[in-house]
Amino acid sequence: MKELDAMVFLAVFQEMLGPLLWVLVLLAVGGIVAFLAVLAKERKIVSRRLVRSELLGLVGGALALVLMARVSSSGFTDAGGPADWFLIALVFGLGLAGTTVLVYALAGWKDALSGSR
């Protein structure tokens, strides 16, 4: 494979995740839009909310690793080289960041709807 093709990645992820792929994509896009809307509305980042979101992001990173182990044919004991460990770290990081953004957005909208901070 001499060149990267986005359609190949899409086909591989579709095969591994099935319909869950599109749920995850919608969740990611919705979380980013909600996060940007909260930032536009408040015009600042609330540090207390961010720290709580980051703590829950750790759980999201761990759950991303569990999902990766469930949908792949190999486990963590099969990771041998640096590329494998980089991929594991990348999956954890994406799960952490995605969960942090989503939780921050949900908490921001919850606070906005309840009228508190």
N, C-alpha and C. Protein backbone atom coordinates (compact mmCIF):
# COMPACT_ATOMS: atom_id res chain seq x y z
N MET A 1 0.86 -1.17 0.00
CA MET A 1 0.00 0.00 0.00
C MET A 1 0.90 1.23 0.00
N LYS A 2 0.96 1.89 -1.12
CA LYS A 2 1.87 3.02 -1.27
C LYS A 2 1.21 4.36 -0.96
N GLU A 3 -0.09 4.41 -0.95
CA GLU A 3 -0.77 5.67 -0.66
C GLU A 3 -1.95 5.42 0.27
N LEU A 4 -2.30 6.45 1.01
CA LEU A 4 -3.43 6.35 1.93
C LEU A 4 -4.70 6.77 1.22
N ASP A 5 -5.73 6.01 1.39
CA ASP A 5 -7.01 6.31 0.79
C ASP A 5 -8.05 6.36 1.90
N ALA A 6 -8.77 7.46 1.99
CA ALA A 6 -9.76 7.63 3.05
C ALA A 6 -10.86 6.58 2.95
N MET A 7 -11.19 6.17 1.76
CA MET A 7 -12.25 5.17 1.59
C MET A 7 -11.85 3.81 2.15
N VAL A 8 -10.55 3.51 2.11
CA VAL A 8 -10.07 2.25 2.70
C VAL A 8 -10.28 2.29 4.21
N PHE A 9 -9.91 3.42 4.84
CA PHE A 9 -10.13 3.55 6.28
C PHE A 9 -11.61 3.47 6.62
N LEU A 10 -12.44 4.13 5.83
CA LEU A 10 -13.88 4.08 6.07
C LEU A 10 -14.39 2.64 5.97
N ALA A 11 -13.94 1.91 4.97
CA ALA A 11 -14.38 0.52 4.81
C ALA A 11 -13.93 -0.35 5.98
N VAL A 12 -12.70 -0.14 6.44
CA VAL A 12 -12.19 -0.93 7.57
C VAL A 12 -12.97 -0.61 8.84
N PHE A 13 -13.19 0.67 9.12
CA PHE A 13 -13.94 1.03 10.32
C PHE A 13 -15.39 0.56 10.23
N GLN A 14 -15.98 0.64 9.04
CA GLN A 14 -17.35 0.16 8.86
C GLN A 14 -17.43 -1.34 9.12
N GLU A 15 -16.44 -2.08 8.65
CA GLU A 15 -16.41 -3.53 8.87
C GLU A 15 -16.23 -3.86 10.35
N MET A 16 -15.39 -3.10 11.04
CA MET A 16 -15.11 -3.39 12.45
C MET A 16 -16.26 -2.97 13.36
N LEU A 17 -16.82 -1.79 13.13
CA LEU A 17 -17.80 -1.23 14.05
C LEU A 17 -19.24 -1.41 13.62
N GLY A 18 -19.47 -1.60 12.33
CA GLY A 18 -20.84 -1.72 11.84
C GLY A 18 -21.58 -0.41 12.04
N PRO A 19 -22.85 -0.48 12.41
CA PRO A 19 -23.65 0.74 12.59
C PRO A 19 -23.14 1.64 13.72
N LEU A 20 -22.38 1.07 14.66
CA LEU A 20 -21.84 1.87 15.75
C LEU A 20 -20.91 2.97 15.24
N LEU A 21 -20.29 2.76 14.09
CA LEU A 21 -19.42 3.78 13.50
C LEU A 21 -20.18 5.08 13.31
N TRP A 22 -21.37 4.99 12.76
CA TRP A 22 -22.13 6.21 12.46
C TRP A 22 -22.68 6.84 13.73
N VAL A 23 -22.99 6.05 14.72
CA VAL A 23 -23.39 6.61 16.02
C VAL A 23 -22.23 7.40 16.63
N LEU A 24 -21.02 6.84 16.57
CA LEU A 24 -19.85 7.51 17.10
C LEU A 24 -19.54 8.79 16.32
N VAL A 25 -19.68 8.75 15.00
CA VAL A 25 -19.44 9.94 14.19
C VAL A 25 -20.45 11.04 14.53
N LEU A 26 -21.73 10.68 14.64
CA LEU A 26 -22.74 11.67 15.00
C LEU A 26 -22.51 12.22 16.40
N LEU A 27 -22.10 11.37 17.32
CA LEU A 27 -21.81 11.81 18.67
C LEU A 27 -20.63 12.78 18.69
N ALA A 28 -19.61 12.49 17.90
CA ALA A 28 -18.44 13.37 17.84
C ALA A 28 -18.80 14.72 17.23
N VAL A 29 -19.49 14.71 16.12
CA VAL A 29 -19.87 15.97 15.46
C VAL A 29 -20.82 16.77 16.35
N GLY A 30 -21.80 16.10 16.94
CA GLY A 30 -22.73 16.78 17.83
C GLY A 30 -22.05 17.35 19.06
N GLY A 31 -21.09 16.61 19.61
CA GLY A 31 -20.36 17.10 20.78
C GLY A 31 -19.52 18.33 20.46
N ILE A 32 -18.88 18.32 19.30
CA ILE A 32 -18.07 19.48 18.90
C ILE A 32 -18.95 20.70 18.67
N VAL A 33 -20.07 20.53 17.99
CA VAL A 33 -20.98 21.64 17.73
C VAL A 33 -21.53 22.18 19.05
N ALA A 34 -21.92 21.29 19.96
CA ALA A 34 -22.45 21.73 21.26
C ALA A 34 -21.37 22.44 22.07
N PHE A 35 -20.13 21.94 22.01
CA PHE A 35 -19.02 22.58 22.73
C PHE A 35 -18.77 23.98 22.19
N LEU A 36 -18.73 24.12 20.87
CA LEU A 36 -18.51 25.44 20.27
C LEU A 36 -19.66 26.38 20.59
N ALA A 37 -20.88 25.86 20.65
CA ALA A 37 -22.03 26.70 21.00
C ALA A 37 -21.93 27.17 22.45
N VAL A 38 -21.50 26.30 23.36
CA VAL A 38 -21.32 26.70 24.76
C VAL A 38 -20.24 27.77 24.86
N LEU A 39 -19.13 27.58 24.15
CA LEU A 39 -18.06 28.58 24.17
C LEU A 39 -18.54 29.91 23.60
N ALA A 40 -19.31 29.88 22.53
CA ALA A 40 -19.82 31.12 21.95
C ALA A 40 -20.79 31.81 22.89
N LYS A 41 -21.58 31.03 23.60
CA LYS A 41 -22.57 31.61 24.52
C LYS A 41 -21.90 32.20 25.76
N GLU A 42 -20.97 31.47 26.36
CA GLU A 42 -20.36 31.91 27.61
C GLU A 42 -19.13 32.80 27.40
N ARG A 43 -18.49 32.69 26.24
CA ARG A 43 -17.28 33.46 25.90
C ARG A 43 -16.11 33.21 26.85
N LYS A 44 -16.12 32.06 27.49
CA LYS A 44 -15.01 31.67 28.37
C LYS A 44 -15.11 30.18 28.65
N ILE A 45 -14.03 29.64 29.21
CA ILE A 45 -14.02 28.25 29.65
C ILE A 45 -14.13 28.26 31.17
N VAL A 46 -15.08 27.53 31.69
CA VAL A 46 -15.29 27.44 33.13
C VAL A 46 -14.37 26.34 33.66
N SER A 47 -13.41 26.73 34.48
CA SER A 47 -12.35 25.79 34.89
C SER A 47 -12.90 24.62 35.72
N ARG A 48 -13.83 24.87 36.58
CA ARG A 48 -14.38 23.79 37.42
C ARG A 48 -15.06 22.74 36.55
N ARG A 49 -15.82 23.19 35.58
CA ARG A 49 -16.50 22.28 34.66
C ARG A 49 -15.47 21.52 33.82
N LEU A 50 -14.41 22.21 33.41
CA LEU A 50 -13.38 21.56 32.58
C LEU A 50 -12.66 20.46 33.35
N VAL A 51 -12.32 20.72 34.61
CA VAL A 51 -11.62 19.70 35.41
C VAL A 51 -12.51 18.48 35.60
N ARG A 52 -13.77 18.69 35.89
CA ARG A 52 -14.69 17.56 36.04
C ARG A 52 -14.83 16.79 34.73
N SER A 53 -14.88 17.52 33.63
CA SER A 53 -14.98 16.87 32.33
C SER A 53 -13.73 16.06 32.02
N GLU A 54 -12.57 16.58 32.39
CA GLU A 54 -11.32 15.86 32.16
C GLU A 54 -11.25 14.58 32.98
N LEU A 55 -11.76 14.62 34.20
CA LEU A 55 -11.77 13.41 35.02
C LEU A 55 -12.67 12.34 34.40
N LEU A 56 -13.82 12.75 33.89
CA LEU A 56 -14.68 11.79 33.20
C LEU A 56 -14.08 11.37 31.86
N GLY A 57 -13.23 12.23 31.29
CA GLY A 57 -12.54 11.89 30.06
C GLY A 57 -11.61 10.70 30.24
N LEU A 58 -11.03 10.55 31.43
CA LEU A 58 -10.21 9.37 31.71
C LEU A 58 -11.02 8.10 31.58
N VAL A 59 -12.25 8.14 32.05
CA VAL A 59 -13.15 6.99 31.93
C VAL A 59 -13.46 6.75 30.45
N GLY A 60 -13.69 7.83 29.71
CA GLY A 60 -13.96 7.70 28.28
C GLY A 60 -12.79 7.10 27.52
N GLY A 61 -11.57 7.47 27.90
CA GLY A 61 -10.39 6.89 27.27
C GLY A 61 -10.30 5.40 27.53
N ALA A 62 -10.58 5.00 28.77
CA ALA A 62 -10.56 3.57 29.11
C ALA A 62 -11.65 2.82 28.37
N LEU A 63 -12.83 3.42 28.25
CA LEU A 63 -13.90 2.77 27.50
C LEU A 63 -13.58 2.65 26.02
N ALA A 64 -12.86 3.63 25.48
CA ALA A 64 -12.43 3.55 24.08
C ALA A 64 -11.49 2.36 23.88
N LEU A 65 -10.61 2.12 24.86
CA LEU A 65 -9.72 0.96 24.77
C LEU A 65 -10.50 -0.34 24.86
N VAL A 66 -11.51 -0.38 25.71
CA VAL A 66 -12.36 -1.58 25.82
C VAL A 66 -13.07 -1.82 24.49
N LEU A 67 -13.60 -0.75 23.89
CA LEU A 67 -14.28 -0.89 22.60
C LEU A 67 -13.31 -1.38 21.53
N MET A 68 -12.09 -0.83 21.53
CA MET A 68 -11.08 -1.26 20.56
C MET A 68 -10.77 -2.75 20.72
N ALA A 69 -10.64 -3.20 21.95
CA ALA A 69 -10.33 -4.61 22.20
C ALA A 69 -11.49 -5.51 21.78
N ARG A 70 -12.71 -5.02 21.92
CA ARG A 70 -13.88 -5.83 21.57
C ARG A 70 -14.05 -5.98 20.06
N VAL A 71 -13.75 -4.91 19.31
CA VAL A 71 -14.01 -4.96 17.86
C VAL A 71 -12.83 -5.47 17.06
N SER A 72 -11.66 -5.55 17.67
CA SER A 72 -10.50 -6.05 16.92
C SER A 72 -10.29 -7.52 17.23
N SER A 73 -9.52 -8.16 16.40
CA SER A 73 -9.27 -9.58 16.60
C SER A 73 -8.07 -9.83 17.51
N SER A 74 -7.43 -8.78 17.98
CA SER A 74 -6.27 -8.93 18.86
C SER A 74 -6.52 -8.19 20.17
N GLY A 75 -5.77 -8.55 21.17
CA GLY A 75 -5.89 -7.91 22.47
C GLY A 75 -4.64 -7.11 22.78
N PHE A 76 -4.57 -6.60 23.99
CA PHE A 76 -3.43 -5.76 24.39
C PHE A 76 -2.16 -6.59 24.53
N THR A 77 -2.28 -7.86 24.80
CA THR A 77 -1.09 -8.71 24.92
C THR A 77 -0.45 -8.98 23.56
N ASP A 78 -1.18 -8.72 22.48
CA ASP A 78 -0.65 -8.92 21.14
C ASP A 78 0.15 -7.71 20.64
N ALA A 79 0.10 -6.61 21.36
CA ALA A 79 0.83 -5.41 20.94
C ALA A 79 2.32 -5.65 21.11
N GLY A 80 3.05 -5.52 20.02
CA GLY A 80 4.47 -5.85 20.08
C GLY A 80 5.37 -4.68 19.78
N GLY A 81 5.08 -3.95 18.75
CA GLY A 81 5.99 -2.90 18.33
C GLY A 81 5.51 -1.51 18.72
N PRO A 82 6.32 -0.53 18.42
CA PRO A 82 5.98 0.85 18.75
C PRO A 82 4.70 1.33 18.06
N ALA A 83 4.46 0.85 16.85
CA ALA A 83 3.24 1.27 16.14
C ALA A 83 2.00 0.80 16.87
N ASP A 84 2.04 -0.41 17.42
CA ASP A 84 0.90 -0.92 18.17
C ASP A 84 0.64 -0.08 19.41
N TRP A 85 1.69 0.24 20.14
CA TRP A 85 1.53 1.03 21.35
C TRP A 85 1.13 2.47 21.03
N PHE A 86 1.60 2.99 19.90
CA PHE A 86 1.17 4.32 19.47
C PHE A 86 -0.32 4.32 19.17
N LEU A 87 -0.80 3.28 18.51
CA LEU A 87 -2.22 3.18 18.20
C LEU A 87 -3.05 3.06 19.47
N ILE A 88 -2.58 2.29 20.43
CA ILE A 88 -3.30 2.16 21.71
C ILE A 88 -3.36 3.52 22.42
N ALA A 89 -2.24 4.24 22.43
CA ALA A 89 -2.22 5.57 23.05
C ALA A 89 -3.13 6.53 22.29
N LEU A 90 -3.15 6.43 20.97
CA LEU A 90 -4.01 7.30 20.16
C LEU A 90 -5.48 7.04 20.44
N VAL A 91 -5.87 5.78 20.53
CA VAL A 91 -7.27 5.44 20.83
C VAL A 91 -7.65 5.98 22.21
N PHE A 92 -6.77 5.79 23.20
CA PHE A 92 -7.05 6.32 24.54
C PHE A 92 -7.17 7.83 24.49
N GLY A 93 -6.26 8.49 23.80
CA GLY A 93 -6.28 9.96 23.73
C GLY A 93 -7.53 10.49 23.04
N LEU A 94 -7.94 9.84 21.97
CA LEU A 94 -9.16 10.27 21.28
C LEU A 94 -10.40 10.05 22.14
N GLY A 95 -10.44 8.93 22.86
CA GLY A 95 -11.55 8.69 23.77
C GLY A 95 -11.59 9.70 24.90
N LEU A 96 -10.41 10.02 25.43
CA LEU A 96 -10.31 11.02 26.50
C LEU A 96 -10.76 12.39 26.01
N ALA A 97 -10.24 12.82 24.87
CA ALA A 97 -10.58 14.15 24.35
C ALA A 97 -12.05 14.24 23.96
N GLY A 98 -12.54 13.20 23.29
CA GLY A 98 -13.93 13.22 22.88
C GLY A 98 -14.89 13.25 24.06
N THR A 99 -14.60 12.46 25.06
CA THR A 99 -15.45 12.43 26.25
C THR A 99 -15.38 13.76 27.00
N THR A 100 -14.19 14.33 27.09
CA THR A 100 -14.03 15.62 27.76
C THR A 100 -14.86 16.70 27.08
N VAL A 101 -14.77 16.78 25.76
CA VAL A 101 -15.52 17.79 25.01
C VAL A 101 -17.02 17.57 25.16
N LEU A 102 -17.45 16.32 25.03
CA LEU A 102 -18.87 16.02 25.12
C LEU A 102 -19.43 16.31 26.52
N VAL A 103 -18.72 15.90 27.55
CA VAL A 103 -19.19 16.13 28.92
C VAL A 103 -19.19 17.63 29.24
N TYR A 104 -18.16 18.36 28.80
CA TYR A 104 -18.13 19.81 29.03
C TYR A 104 -19.32 20.48 28.36
N ALA A 105 -19.62 20.08 27.13
CA ALA A 105 -20.75 20.67 26.41
C ALA A 105 -22.07 20.35 27.10
N LEU A 106 -22.25 19.10 27.49
CA LEU A 106 -23.49 18.71 28.16
C LEU A 106 -23.65 19.44 29.50
N ALA A 107 -22.55 19.54 30.25
CA ALA A 107 -22.62 20.26 31.54
C ALA A 107 -22.88 21.73 31.31
N GLY A 108 -22.30 22.31 30.27
CA GLY A 108 -22.54 23.72 29.97
C GLY A 108 -23.98 24.00 29.61
N TRP A 109 -24.57 23.13 28.80
CA TRP A 109 -25.96 23.32 28.45
C TRP A 109 -26.88 23.04 29.63
N LYS A 110 -26.50 22.10 30.47
CA LYS A 110 -27.29 21.84 31.68
C LYS A 110 -27.29 23.07 32.58
N ASP A 111 -26.11 23.67 32.76
CA ASP A 111 -26.02 24.88 33.58
C ASP A 111 -26.79 26.03 32.95
N ALA A 112 -26.73 26.16 31.64
CA ALA A 112 -27.42 27.25 30.96
C ALA A 112 -28.94 27.09 31.08
N LEU A 113 -29.42 25.87 30.98
CA LEU A 113 -30.86 25.64 31.07
C LEU A 113 -31.38 25.78 32.49
N SER A 114 -30.53 25.45 33.46
CA SER A 114 -30.97 25.57 34.86
C SER A 114 -30.70 26.96 35.42
N GLY A 115 -29.94 27.77 34.70
CA GLY A 115 -29.66 29.14 35.12
C GLY A 115 -28.58 29.27 36.15
N SER A 116 -27.75 28.22 36.34
CA SER A 116 -26.67 28.29 37.32
C SER A 116 -25.32 28.13 36.64
N ARG A 117 -24.25 28.28 37.43
CA ARG A 117 -22.91 28.07 36.90
C ARG A 117 -22.18 27.15 37.79
